C-alpha atoms as a PDB file:
ATOM      1  CA  MET A   1     122.134  79.597 111.762  1.00  0.00           C
ATOM      2  CA  ILE A   2     124.183  81.730 109.354  1.00  0.00           C
ATOM      3  CA  ASN A   3     126.771  80.450 106.889  1.00  0.00           C
ATOM      4  CA  GLU A   4     130.200  81.580 108.126  1.00  0.00           C
ATOM      5  CA  LYS A   5     130.811  83.325 104.784  1.00  0.00           C
ATOM      6  CA  ILE A   6     127.740  85.469 105.275  1.00  0.00           C
ATOM      7  CA  LYS A   7     127.700  88.793 107.106  1.00  0.00           C
ATOM      8  CA  ASN A   8     124.227  89.638 108.336  1.00  0.00           C
ATOM      9  CA  SER A   9     123.347  93.231 107.468  1.00  0.00           C
ATOM     10  CA  THR A  10     121.122  95.382 109.658  1.00  0.00           C
ATOM     11  CA  GLU A  11     117.785  96.874 108.633  1.00  0.00           C
ATOM     12  CA  GLU A  12     119.430 100.304 108.545  1.00  0.00           C
ATOM     13  CA  GLU A  13     122.200  99.127 106.220  1.00  0.00           C
ATOM     14  CA  LEU A  14     119.762  97.567 103.771  1.00  0.00           C
ATOM     15  CA  HIS A  15     117.495 100.589 103.854  1.00  0.00           C
ATOM     16  CA  LYS A  16     120.438 102.823 102.986  1.00  0.00           C
ATOM     17  CA  ILE A  17     121.385 100.559 100.081  1.00  0.00           C
ATOM     18  CA  LEU A  18     117.788 100.636  98.829  1.00  0.00           C
ATOM     19  CA  LEU A  19     117.657 104.436  98.864  1.00  0.00           C
ATOM     20  CA  ASN A  20     120.849 104.563  96.811  1.00  0.00           C
ATOM     21  CA  THR A  21     119.283 102.558  93.975  1.00  0.00           C
ATOM     22  CA  LYS A  22     117.270 103.831  91.052  1.00  0.00           C
ATOM     23  CA  LYS A  23     116.138 100.579  89.480  1.00  0.00           C
ATOM     24  CA  ILE A  24     115.476  97.277  91.251  1.00  0.00           C
ATOM     25  CA  THR A  25     114.096  93.808  90.626  1.00  0.00           C
ATOM     26  CA  ILE A  26     112.060  92.093  93.350  1.00  0.00           C
ATOM     27  CA  THR A  27     111.652  88.315  93.260  1.00  0.00           C
ATOM     28  CA  THR A  28     110.817  85.304  95.422  1.00  0.00           C
ATOM     29  CA  HIS A  29     110.664  81.516  95.449  1.00  0.00           C
ATOM     30  CA  VAL A  30     108.834  79.119  93.151  1.00  0.00           C
ATOM     31  CA  SER A  31     105.154  78.587  94.094  1.00  0.00           C
ATOM     32  CA  PRO A  32     104.976  81.835  96.080  1.00  0.00           C
ATOM     33  CA  ASP A  33     102.872  81.985  99.225  1.00  0.00           C
ATOM     34  CA  GLY A  34     101.258  84.864 101.092  1.00  0.00           C
ATOM     35  CA  ASP A  35     104.466  85.870 102.855  1.00  0.00           C
ATOM     36  CA  ALA A  36     106.361  86.001  99.573  1.00  0.00           C
ATOM     37  CA  ILE A  37     103.763  87.968  97.582  1.00  0.00           C
ATOM     38  CA  GLY A  38     102.819  90.269 100.469  1.00  0.00           C
ATOM     39  CA  SER A  39     106.460  91.125 101.168  1.00  0.00           C
ATOM     40  CA  GLU A  40     107.117  91.820  97.489  1.00  0.00           C
ATOM     41  CA  LEU A  41     104.136  94.139  97.156  1.00  0.00           C
ATOM     42  CA  ALA A  42     104.969  96.077 100.325  1.00  0.00           C
ATOM     43  CA  LEU A  43     108.513  96.698  99.086  1.00  0.00           C
ATOM     44  CA  TYR A  44     107.178  97.608  95.627  1.00  0.00           C
ATOM     45  CA  PHE A  45     104.739 100.207  96.995  1.00  0.00           C
ATOM     46  CA  TYR A  46     107.477 101.705  99.163  1.00  0.00           C
ATOM     47  CA  CYS A  47     109.702 102.070  96.092  1.00  0.00           C
ATOM     48  CA  LEU A  48     106.923 104.034  94.388  1.00  0.00           C
ATOM     49  CA  GLN A  49     106.955 106.456  97.330  1.00  0.00           C
ATOM     50  CA  ARG A  50     110.696 106.921  96.939  1.00  0.00           C
ATOM     51  CA  ASP A  51     110.665 107.234  93.130  1.00  0.00           C
ATOM     52  CA  ILE A  52     112.652 104.029  92.765  1.00  0.00           C
ATOM     53  CA  GLN A  53     111.817 102.091  89.617  1.00  0.00           C
ATOM     54  CA  ALA A  54     110.813  98.610  90.704  1.00  0.00           C
ATOM     55  CA  ARG A  55     109.517  95.516  88.975  1.00  0.00           C
ATOM     56  CA  ILE A  56     108.300  92.301  90.630  1.00  0.00           C
ATOM     57  CA  ILE A  57     109.316  89.277  88.541  1.00  0.00           C
ATOM     58  CA  ASN A  58     108.648  85.756  89.783  1.00  0.00           C
ATOM     59  CA  CYS A  59     109.389  82.347  88.332  1.00  0.00           C
ATOM     60  CA  SER A  60     105.816  81.068  88.779  1.00  0.00           C
ATOM     61  CA  GLU A  61     102.210  82.202  88.941  1.00  0.00           C
ATOM     62  CA  THR A  62     100.545  83.895  91.903  1.00  0.00           C
ATOM     63  CA  PRO A  63      98.004  81.650  93.705  1.00  0.00           C
ATOM     64  CA  TYR A  64      94.328  82.502  93.146  1.00  0.00           C
ATOM     65  CA  ASN A  65      93.729  83.342  96.825  1.00  0.00           C
ATOM     66  CA  LEU A  66      96.193  86.245  96.678  1.00  0.00           C
ATOM     67  CA  GLN A  67      94.800  87.810  93.513  1.00  0.00           C
ATOM     68  CA  PHE A  68      92.664  90.214  95.575  1.00  0.00           C
ATOM     69  CA  LEU A  69      95.643  92.221  96.826  1.00  0.00           C
ATOM     70  CA  SER A  70      96.026  95.782  95.557  1.00  0.00           C
ATOM     71  CA  GLY A  71      98.832  96.012  93.023  1.00  0.00           C
ATOM     72  CA  ILE A  72      98.731  92.313  92.155  1.00  0.00           C
ATOM     73  CA  GLU A  73      98.755  93.282  88.468  1.00  0.00           C
ATOM     74  CA  ASN A  74     102.356  94.370  89.034  1.00  0.00           C
ATOM     75  CA  VAL A  75     103.428  90.841  89.980  1.00  0.00           C
ATOM     76  CA  ASN A  76     104.842  89.399  86.759  1.00  0.00           C
ATOM     77  CA  VAL A  77     105.855  85.895  85.708  1.00  0.00           C
ATOM     78  CA  TYR A  78     109.321  85.776  84.152  1.00  0.00           C
ATOM     79  CA  LYS A  79     109.598  85.838  80.391  1.00  0.00           C
ATOM     80  CA  GLU A  80     112.601  86.186  78.116  1.00  0.00           C
ATOM     81  CA  GLY A  81     112.023  89.931  77.695  1.00  0.00           C
ATOM     82  CA  ASP A  82     112.601  90.455  81.434  1.00  0.00           C
ATOM     83  CA  LYS A  83     116.240  89.400  81.191  1.00  0.00           C
ATOM     84  CA  GLU A  84     117.386  92.849  80.075  1.00  0.00           C
ATOM     85  CA  TYR A  85     115.601  94.558  82.992  1.00  0.00           C
ATOM     86  CA  ILE A  86     117.179  92.221  85.538  1.00  0.00           C
ATOM     87  CA  MET A  87     120.631  92.541  83.997  1.00  0.00           C
ATOM     88  CA  ASN A  88     120.377  96.347  84.094  1.00  0.00           C
ATOM     89  CA  SER A  89     118.964  96.650  87.607  1.00  0.00           C
ATOM     90  CA  ASP A  90     120.980  98.340  90.339  1.00  0.00           C
ATOM     91  CA  ALA A  91     119.840  95.688  92.820  1.00  0.00           C
ATOM     92  CA  VAL A  92     117.883  92.445  92.957  1.00  0.00           C
ATOM     93  CA  PHE A  93     115.945  91.894  96.177  1.00  0.00           C
ATOM     94  CA  VAL A  94     115.399  88.188  96.804  1.00  0.00           C
ATOM     95  CA  LEU A  95     112.661  87.733  99.403  1.00  0.00           C
ATOM     96  CA  ASP A  96     111.580  84.778 101.534  1.00  0.00           C
ATOM     97  CA  LEU A  97     114.210  82.328 100.303  1.00  0.00           C
ATOM     98  CA  ASN A  98     117.891  81.751 100.880  1.00  0.00           C
ATOM     99  CA  SER A  99     118.955  79.385  98.105  1.00  0.00           C
ATOM    100  CA  SER A 100     119.185  80.554  94.487  1.00  0.00           C
ATOM    101  CA  PRO A 101     117.914  77.317  92.861  1.00  0.00           C
ATOM    102  CA  ARG A 102     114.492  78.137  94.326  1.00  0.00           C
ATOM    103  CA  ILE A 103     114.034  80.892  91.723  1.00  0.00           C
ATOM    104  CA  LYS A 104     114.215  78.190  89.059  1.00  0.00           C
ATOM    105  CA  VAL A 105     114.329  79.577  85.499  1.00  0.00           C
ATOM    106  CA  MET A 106     115.456  82.995  86.777  1.00  0.00           C
ATOM    107  CA  GLU A 107     118.515  81.701  88.642  1.00  0.00           C
ATOM    108  CA  ASP A 108     121.119  82.061  85.894  1.00  0.00           C
ATOM    109  CA  VAL A 109     119.943  85.540  84.914  1.00  0.00           C
ATOM    110  CA  VAL A 110     119.963  86.806  88.507  1.00  0.00           C
ATOM    111  CA  LEU A 111     123.402  85.342  89.235  1.00  0.00           C
ATOM    112  CA  GLN A 112     124.839  86.730  85.989  1.00  0.00           C
ATOM    113  CA  SER A 113     123.470  90.223  86.589  1.00  0.00           C
ATOM    114  CA  LYS A 114     125.944  92.793  87.897  1.00  0.00           C
ATOM    115  CA  ALA A 115     123.206  94.115  90.167  1.00  0.00           C
ATOM    116  CA  ILE A 116     123.719  93.989  93.924  1.00  0.00           C
ATOM    117  CA  LYS A 117     121.954  90.874  95.240  1.00  0.00           C
ATOM    118  CA  ILE A 118     120.142  91.276  98.561  1.00  0.00           C
ATOM    119  CA  VAL A 119     118.492  88.406 100.439  1.00  0.00           C
ATOM    120  CA  ILE A 120     115.820  89.105 103.065  1.00  0.00           C
ATOM    121  CA  ASP A 121     114.559  85.936 104.724  1.00  0.00           C
ATOM    122  CA  HIS A 122     113.710  84.104 107.948  1.00  0.00           C
ATOM    123  CA  HIS A 123     114.807  80.554 107.086  1.00  0.00           C
ATOM    124  CA  ILE A 124     117.968  79.055 108.582  1.00  0.00           C
ATOM    125  CA  GLU A 125     121.180  77.950 106.870  1.00  0.00           C
ATOM    126  CA  PRO A 126     121.245  80.237 103.809  1.00  0.00           C
ATOM    127  CA  SER A 127     123.466  79.346 100.878  1.00  0.00           C
ATOM    128  CA  PHE A 128     126.089  81.822  99.715  1.00  0.00           C
ATOM    129  CA  PHE A 129     125.104  83.546  96.479  1.00  0.00           C
ATOM    130  CA  ALA A 130     124.260  87.200  97.268  1.00  0.00           C
ATOM    131  CA  ASP A 131     126.122  90.351  98.308  1.00  0.00           C
ATOM    132  CA  TYR A 132     124.003  91.258 101.325  1.00  0.00           C
ATOM    133  CA  TYR A 133     121.865  89.205 103.675  1.00  0.00           C
ATOM    134  CA  HIS A 134     119.322  90.040 106.308  1.00  0.00           C
ATOM    135  CA  ILE A 135     118.430  86.679 107.863  1.00  0.00           C
ATOM    136  CA  ASP A 136     116.454  86.420 111.080  1.00  0.00           C
ATOM    137  CA  SER A 137     115.269  82.874 111.777  1.00  0.00           C
ATOM    138  CA  ALA A 138     113.567  84.067 114.972  1.00  0.00           C
ATOM    139  CA  SER A 139     111.199  86.185 112.909  1.00  0.00           C
ATOM    140  CA  ALA A 140     107.751  84.761 112.238  1.00  0.00           C
ATOM    141  CA  SER A 141     107.771  85.914 108.610  1.00  0.00           C
ATOM    142  CA  THR A 142     109.635  87.828 105.939  1.00  0.00           C
ATOM    143  CA  GLY A 143     106.811  90.353 106.139  1.00  0.00           C
ATOM    144  CA  GLU A 144     107.966  91.325 109.642  1.00  0.00           C
ATOM    145  CA  LEU A 145     111.484  91.916 108.322  1.00  0.00           C
ATOM    146  CA  ILE A 146     110.203  94.118 105.486  1.00  0.00           C
ATOM    147  CA  TRP A 147     108.138  96.099 108.031  1.00  0.00           C
ATOM    148  CA  LYS A 148     111.249  96.793 110.097  1.00  0.00           C
ATOM    149  CA  ILE A 149     113.328  97.803 107.082  1.00  0.00           C
ATOM    150  CA  LEU A 150     110.662 100.200 105.807  1.00  0.00           C
ATOM    151  CA  ASN A 151     110.318 101.722 109.275  1.00  0.00           C
ATOM    152  CA  CYS A 152     113.927 102.880 109.078  1.00  0.00           C
ATOM    153  CA  ASP A 153     112.438 105.683 106.977  1.00  0.00           C
ATOM    154  CA  LYS A 154     111.056 108.291 109.368  1.00  0.00           C
ATOM    155  CA  GLN A 155     109.040 109.734 106.461  1.00  0.00           C
ATOM    156  CA  LEU A 156     107.419 106.398 105.601  1.00  0.00           C
ATOM    157  CA  LYS A 157     103.770 106.686 104.640  1.00  0.00           C
ATOM    158  CA  ILE A 158     102.049 103.428 105.548  1.00  0.00           C
ATOM    159  CA  THR A 159      99.300 103.228 102.954  1.00  0.00           C
ATOM    160  CA  PRO A 160      96.393 100.751 103.081  1.00  0.00           C
ATOM    161  CA  GLU A 161      98.117  98.906 100.216  1.00  0.00           C
ATOM    162  CA  ILE A 162     101.343  98.430 102.205  1.00  0.00           C
ATOM    163  CA  ALA A 163      99.406  97.575 105.374  1.00  0.00           C
ATOM    164  CA  SER A 164      97.261  94.962 103.597  1.00  0.00           C
ATOM    165  CA  ALA A 165     100.247  93.366 101.847  1.00  0.00           C
ATOM    166  CA  LEU A 166     102.195  93.025 105.086  1.00  0.00           C
ATOM    167  CA  TYR A 167      99.168  91.825 107.059  1.00  0.00           C
ATOM    168  CA  THR A 168      98.689  89.079 104.466  1.00  0.00           C
ATOM    169  CA  ALA A 169     102.374  88.167 104.635  1.00  0.00           C
ATOM    170  CA  ILE A 170     102.422  87.859 108.414  1.00  0.00           C
ATOM    171  CA  MET A 171      99.003  86.232 108.787  1.00  0.00           C
ATOM    172  CA  THR A 172      99.741  83.450 106.311  1.00  0.00           C
ATOM    173  CA  ASP A 173     103.229  82.591 107.556  1.00  0.00           C
ATOM    174  CA  THR A 174     102.156  82.476 111.186  1.00  0.00           C
ATOM    175  CA  GLY A 175      99.209  80.180 110.475  1.00  0.00           C
ATOM    176  CA  SER A 176      96.850  83.007 111.423  1.00  0.00           C
ATOM    177  CA  PHE A 177      99.049  83.883 114.424  1.00  0.00           C
ATOM    178  CA  ARG A 178      99.138  80.415 115.981  1.00  0.00           C
ATOM    179  CA  PHE A 179     102.672  79.187 115.141  1.00  0.00           C
ATOM    180  CA  PRO A 180     105.379  79.219 117.852  1.00  0.00           C
ATOM    181  CA  HIS A 181     107.365  82.134 116.380  1.00  0.00           C
ATOM    182  CA  THR A 182     104.340  84.422 116.732  1.00  0.00           C
ATOM    183  CA  THR A 183     105.348  86.852 119.477  1.00  0.00           C
ATOM    184  CA  SER A 184     103.948  89.869 121.273  1.00  0.00           C
ATOM    185  CA  GLU A 185     105.973  91.966 118.812  1.00  0.00           C
ATOM    186  CA  THR A 186     104.164  90.237 115.940  1.00  0.00           C
ATOM    187  CA  HIS A 187     100.813  91.252 117.409  1.00  0.00           C
ATOM    188  CA  LEU A 188     101.989  94.835 117.933  1.00  0.00           C
ATOM    189  CA  ILE A 189     102.983  95.030 114.266  1.00  0.00           C
ATOM    190  CA  ILE A 190      99.589  93.592 113.267  1.00  0.00           C
ATOM    191  CA  ALA A 191      97.847  96.230 115.399  1.00  0.00           C
ATOM    192  CA  GLU A 192      99.734  98.941 113.521  1.00  0.00           C
ATOM    193  CA  LEU A 193      98.819  97.436 110.157  1.00  0.00           C
ATOM    194  CA  ILE A 194      95.131  97.339 111.056  1.00  0.00           C
ATOM    195  CA  LYS A 195      95.357 100.951 112.213  1.00  0.00           C
ATOM    196  CA  TYR A 196      96.759 101.928 108.816  1.00  0.00           C
ATOM    197  CA  GLY A 197      94.055 100.249 106.772  1.00  0.00           C
ATOM    198  CA  ALA A 198      94.535  96.471 106.635  1.00  0.00           C
ATOM    199  CA  ASP A 199      91.038  94.960 106.603  1.00  0.00           C
ATOM    200  CA  HIS A 200      91.693  91.807 108.633  1.00  0.00           C
ATOM    201  CA  VAL A 201      88.224  90.361 108.006  1.00  0.00           C
ATOM    202  CA  LYS A 202      88.414  90.747 104.225  1.00  0.00           C
ATOM    203  CA  ILE A 203      91.989  89.465 104.048  1.00  0.00           C
ATOM    204  CA  TYR A 204      91.169  86.295 105.979  1.00  0.00           C
ATOM    205  CA  GLU A 205      88.058  85.687 103.878  1.00  0.00           C
ATOM    206  CA  GLU A 206      89.932  86.113 100.601  1.00  0.00           C
ATOM    207  CA  VAL A 207      92.895  83.962 101.589  1.00  0.00           C
ATOM    208  CA  TYR A 208      91.099  81.085 103.309  1.00  0.00           C
ATOM    209  CA  ASN A 209      87.363  81.119 102.635  1.00  0.00           C
ATOM    210  CA  ILE A 210      86.945  81.580  98.884  1.00  0.00           C
ATOM    211  CA  ILE A 211      87.800  78.368  97.033  1.00  0.00           C
ATOM    212  CA  PRO A 212      87.189  77.605  93.318  1.00  0.00           C
ATOM    213  CA  TYR A 213      85.176  74.437  92.734  1.00  0.00           C
ATOM    214  CA  PRO A 214      88.036  72.539  90.986  1.00  0.00           C
ATOM    215  CA  ALA A 215      90.153  73.238  94.071  1.00  0.00           C
ATOM    216  CA  VAL A 216      87.452  71.677  96.261  1.00  0.00           C
ATOM    217  CA  LEU A 217      87.491  68.552  94.063  1.00  0.00           C
ATOM    218  CA  LEU A 218      91.294  68.414  94.215  1.00  0.00           C
ATOM    219  CA  GLN A 219      91.297  68.762  97.994  1.00  0.00           C
ATOM    220  CA  GLY A 220      88.673  66.014  98.247  1.00  0.00           C
ATOM    221  CA  GLU A 221      90.931  63.686  96.263  1.00  0.00           C
ATOM    222  CA  ALA A 222      93.837  64.523  98.557  1.00  0.00           C
ATOM    223  CA  TYR A 223      91.840  63.674 101.683  1.00  0.00           C
ATOM    224  CA  ALA A 224      90.508  60.480 100.072  1.00  0.00           C
ATOM    225  CA  SER A 225      94.085  59.367  99.371  1.00  0.00           C
ATOM    226  CA  SER A 226      95.070  59.637 103.063  1.00  0.00           C
ATOM    227  CA  GLU A 227      96.896  56.692 104.607  1.00  0.00           C
ATOM    228  CA  LEU A 228      98.045  56.301 108.196  1.00  0.00           C
ATOM    229  CA  PHE A 229     101.358  54.761 109.211  1.00  0.00           C
ATOM    230  CA  TYR A 230     103.265  54.092 112.420  1.00  0.00           C
ATOM    231  CA  ASP A 231     100.183  53.498 114.553  1.00  0.00           C
ATOM    232  CA  GLY A 232      98.450  56.578 113.191  1.00  0.00           C
ATOM    233  CA  LYS A 233     101.265  59.022 113.943  1.00  0.00           C
ATOM    234  CA  LEU A 234     102.028  59.729 110.276  1.00  0.00           C
ATOM    235  CA  VAL A 235      99.502  60.548 107.552  1.00  0.00           C
ATOM    236  CA  VAL A 236     100.453  60.612 103.870  1.00  0.00           C
ATOM    237  CA  MET A 237      98.351  62.162 101.101  1.00  0.00           C
ATOM    238  CA  THR A 238      99.120  61.821  97.385  1.00  0.00           C
ATOM    239  CA  LEU A 239      97.965  63.653  94.274  1.00  0.00           C
ATOM    240  CA  THR A 240      98.783  62.277  90.816  1.00  0.00           C
ATOM    241  CA  LYS A 241      98.874  64.198  87.556  1.00  0.00           C
ATOM    242  CA  GLU A 242      95.803  62.220  86.481  1.00  0.00           C
ATOM    243  CA  ILE A 243      93.884  63.665  89.433  1.00  0.00           C
ATOM    244  CA  PHE A 244      94.868  67.196  88.429  1.00  0.00           C
ATOM    245  CA  LYS A 245      93.535  66.527  84.925  1.00  0.00           C
ATOM    246  CA  LYS A 246      90.348  64.904  86.232  1.00  0.00           C
ATOM    247  CA  THR A 247      89.442  67.717  88.632  1.00  0.00           C
ATOM    248  CA  GLY A 248      90.758  70.659  86.624  1.00  0.00           C
ATOM    249  CA  GLY A 249      92.634  71.761  89.722  1.00  0.00           C
ATOM    250  CA  LEU A 250      95.678  73.993  89.470  1.00  0.00           C
ATOM    251  CA  ASP A 251      99.082  73.854  91.107  1.00  0.00           C
ATOM    252  CA  SER A 252      98.111  76.750  93.369  1.00  0.00           C
ATOM    253  CA  ASP A 253      95.022  74.844  94.573  1.00  0.00           C
ATOM    254  CA  ILE A 254      97.104  72.529  96.752  1.00  0.00           C
ATOM    255  CA  GLU A 255      98.135  75.400  99.040  1.00  0.00           C
ATOM    256  CA  GLY A 256      96.891  74.781 102.548  1.00  0.00           C
ATOM    257  CA  ILE A 257      95.908  71.115 102.120  1.00  0.00           C
ATOM    258  CA  VAL A 258      98.883  69.788 104.031  1.00  0.00           C
ATOM    259  CA  GLU A 259      98.111  72.101 106.962  1.00  0.00           C
ATOM    260  CA  HIS A 260      95.098  69.942 107.798  1.00  0.00           C
ATOM    261  CA  THR A 261      97.057  66.717 108.105  1.00  0.00           C
ATOM    262  CA  VAL A 262      98.194  67.480 111.650  1.00  0.00           C
ATOM    263  CA  THR A 263      94.640  68.229 112.785  1.00  0.00           C
ATOM    264  CA  ILE A 264      93.803  64.523 112.530  1.00  0.00           C
ATOM    265  CA  LYS A 265      93.573  62.947 115.970  1.00  0.00           C
ATOM    266  CA  GLY A 266      96.784  61.135 116.900  1.00  0.00           C
ATOM    267  CA  VAL A 267      98.772  62.418 113.909  1.00  0.00           C
ATOM    268  CA  GLN A 268     102.145  63.978 114.694  1.00  0.00           C
ATOM    269  CA  ALA A 269     103.411  64.459 111.132  1.00  0.00           C
ATOM    270  CA  GLY A 270     101.696  64.873 107.780  1.00  0.00           C
ATOM    271  CA  VAL A 271     102.970  64.690 104.204  1.00  0.00           C
ATOM    272  CA  LEU A 272     101.474  65.684 100.854  1.00  0.00           C
ATOM    273  CA  ILE A 273     103.230  64.193  97.826  1.00  0.00           C
ATOM    274  CA  THR A 274     102.272  65.775  94.512  1.00  0.00           C
ATOM    275  CA  GLU A 275     102.898  64.730  90.927  1.00  0.00           C
ATOM    276  CA  ARG A 276     101.838  67.574  88.675  1.00  0.00           C
ATOM    277  CA  PRO A 277     101.223  67.760  84.918  1.00  0.00           C
ATOM    278  CA  ASN A 278     104.147  69.119  82.895  1.00  0.00           C
ATOM    279  CA  ASP A 279     106.474  69.079  85.921  1.00  0.00           C
ATOM    280  CA  PRO A 280     109.285  66.498  86.063  1.00  0.00           C
ATOM    281  CA  GLU A 281     109.720  66.936  89.811  1.00  0.00           C
ATOM    282  CA  ILE A 282     107.774  65.373  92.657  1.00  0.00           C
ATOM    283  CA  ARG A 283     106.809  67.973  95.258  1.00  0.00           C
ATOM    284  CA  ILE A 284     106.768  66.946  98.928  1.00  0.00           C
ATOM    285  CA  SER A 285     105.259  69.116 101.671  1.00  0.00           C
ATOM    286  CA  PHE A 286     105.737  68.304 105.358  1.00  0.00           C
ATOM    287  CA  ARG A 287     103.940  69.467 108.480  1.00  0.00           C
ATOM    288  CA  SER A 288     104.373  68.379 112.099  1.00  0.00           C
ATOM    289  CA  LYS A 289     103.749  69.280 115.708  1.00  0.00           C
ATOM    290  CA  GLY A 290     105.461  68.697 119.031  1.00  0.00           C
ATOM    291  CA  ASP A 291     109.115  67.707 118.800  1.00  0.00           C
ATOM    292  CA  ILE A 292     108.973  66.319 115.233  1.00  0.00           C
ATOM    293  CA  ASN A 293     111.501  68.305 113.167  1.00  0.00           C
ATOM    294  CA  VAL A 294     110.356  67.843 109.553  1.00  0.00           C
ATOM    295  CA  ARG A 295     112.913  70.349 108.319  1.00  0.00           C
ATOM    296  CA  GLU A 296     115.564  67.761 109.122  1.00  0.00           C
ATOM    297  CA  LEU A 297     113.822  65.321 106.809  1.00  0.00           C
ATOM    298  CA  ALA A 298     113.330  67.913 104.063  1.00  0.00           C
ATOM    299  CA  VAL A 299     117.042  68.783 104.121  1.00  0.00           C
ATOM    300  CA  GLU A 300     117.909  65.099 103.664  1.00  0.00           C
ATOM    301  CA  LEU A 301     115.845  65.214 100.478  1.00  0.00           C
ATOM    302  CA  GLY A 302     117.464  68.417  99.205  1.00  0.00           C
ATOM    303  CA  GLY A 303     114.837  70.825 100.512  1.00  0.00           C
ATOM    304  CA  GLY A 304     114.431  73.007 103.566  1.00  0.00           C
ATOM    305  CA  GLY A 305     112.016  75.072 105.612  1.00  0.00           C
ATOM    306  CA  HIS A 306     111.066  75.364 109.257  1.00  0.00           C
ATOM    307  CA  PHE A 307     110.938  72.948 112.204  1.00  0.00           C
ATOM    308  CA  HIS A 308     107.216  72.230 111.760  1.00  0.00           C
ATOM    309  CA  ALA A 309     106.752  73.182 108.095  1.00  0.00           C
ATOM    310  CA  ALA A 310     109.115  72.195 105.313  1.00  0.00           C
ATOM    311  CA  GLY A 311     109.294  70.925 101.761  1.00  0.00           C
ATOM    312  CA  ALA A 312     111.428  69.310  99.102  1.00  0.00           C
ATOM    313  CA  ARG A 313     111.368  68.381  95.437  1.00  0.00           C
ATOM    314  CA  LEU A 314     112.632  65.145  93.928  1.00  0.00           C
ATOM    315  CA  SER A 315     113.874  64.776  90.361  1.00  0.00           C
ATOM    316  CA  ASN A 316     114.046  61.475  88.500  1.00  0.00           C
ATOM    317  CA  ALA A 317     111.631  59.806  90.917  1.00  0.00           C
ATOM    318  CA  THR A 318     108.131  58.422  90.623  1.00  0.00           C
ATOM    319  CA  LEU A 319     105.387  59.291  93.069  1.00  0.00           C
ATOM    320  CA  SER A 320     105.488  55.710  94.335  1.00  0.00           C
ATOM    321  CA  ASP A 321     109.243  55.911  94.935  1.00  0.00           C
ATOM    322  CA  ALA A 322     108.874  59.251  96.723  1.00  0.00           C
ATOM    323  CA  LYS A 323     106.128  57.896  98.946  1.00  0.00           C
ATOM    324  CA  LYS A 324     108.130  54.823  99.966  1.00  0.00           C
ATOM    325  CA  LEU A 325     111.210  56.968 100.665  1.00  0.00           C
ATOM    326  CA  VAL A 326     109.302  59.464 102.797  1.00  0.00           C
ATOM    327  CA  ILE A 327     107.586  56.776 104.846  1.00  0.00           C
ATOM    328  CA  GLU A 328     110.888  54.999 105.440  1.00  0.00           C
ATOM    329  CA  LYS A 329     112.767  58.125 106.489  1.00  0.00           C
ATOM    330  CA  THR A 330     109.944  59.370 108.693  1.00  0.00           C
ATOM    331  CA  GLY A 331     110.141  56.193 110.760  1.00  0.00           C
ATOM    332  CA  LYS A 332     113.114  57.517 112.720  1.00  0.00           C
ATOM    333  CA  PHE A 333     110.816  60.070 114.382  1.00  0.00           C
ATOM    334  CA  PHE A 334     108.661  57.285 115.758  1.00  0.00           C
ATOM    335  CA  GLU A 335     111.454  54.805 116.512  1.00  0.00           C
ATOM    336  CA  GLN A 336     109.838  52.210 114.309  1.00  0.00           C
ATOM    337  CA  PRO A 337     111.072  50.345 111.217  1.00  0.00           C
ATOM    338  CA  LEU A 338     109.412  50.779 107.833  1.00  0.00           C
ATOM    339  CA  SER A 339     106.134  48.904 107.595  1.00  0.00           C
ATOM    340  CA  LEU A 340     103.849  49.712 104.716  1.00  0.00           C
ATOM    341  CA  ASP A 341     101.292  47.433 106.346  1.00  0.00           C
ATOM    342  CA  SER A 342     100.960  49.716 109.371  1.00  0.00           C
ATOM    343  CA  GLY A 343      98.518  51.980 107.575  1.00  0.00           C
ATOM    344  CA  GLY A 344      94.914  52.438 108.520  1.00  0.00           C
END
């Protein structure tokens, strides 16, 4: 669904705009995932081929499980000195998000810059803040969209670096190719990326099978906190700031925990509620299966996402308040009233 103010540009139009720039900023959402980082790096490496000066500047750190990617040293966390670069860029490419508040501390600088703002994303209902949009909610990932834009260049050289970045982007946002939006076209793109040097075994191992010990402790605490509601159809996990301090776990270590909630027998929706040190907001991650639309719930709480995977952040709320609110609102999916005694 596209905002009526927004004209959706084609891949060809965006590619032409890109080639007419000399200096660009590439950025993505807070707490970037594999799709965000992989898409950024692929676009960055393409710019190097075309002698376009490019800098990746994000509002938060890159998760540990993406640090293996070639070129990751070029993914920077915003600092005051970056303001001048952004203000003097010809274009700012905003990837894998469609609402400017999700770039947090960078929002004002990006909006104030005279650079052309270009949004490339696959989430629905974008807000109006950029000059050009390429939104395709039928796409499985932003990585697929970047692939199509780059392939507008008949002289494109698909290097192993580009192939690996895009493979990571698509693999992570499709749940290793198992989510509903994964299509035959997705698999054809993946075949091309493997042909051009993406090591699918290594990428999977790095992303999913190498976990720092503090992350294991943090995940254990999350599972131990699990509570079932609505006759076992909803599971809620919570992580307090005290648990982060106790385990030594990092913000990035919670990635992937919520995915496991819907693997529990009988569970139709899962929630992870996180209270992190030095962060005034409560982070809520939702997952579901079947006909449970958790995006609807996330939007009610000021967030967004996909039908089966969504998230939101609450300000001026305690973890206890957030938990009670989520349980209450989730009840409509199960046609049951709130009952905090229905847990297991």
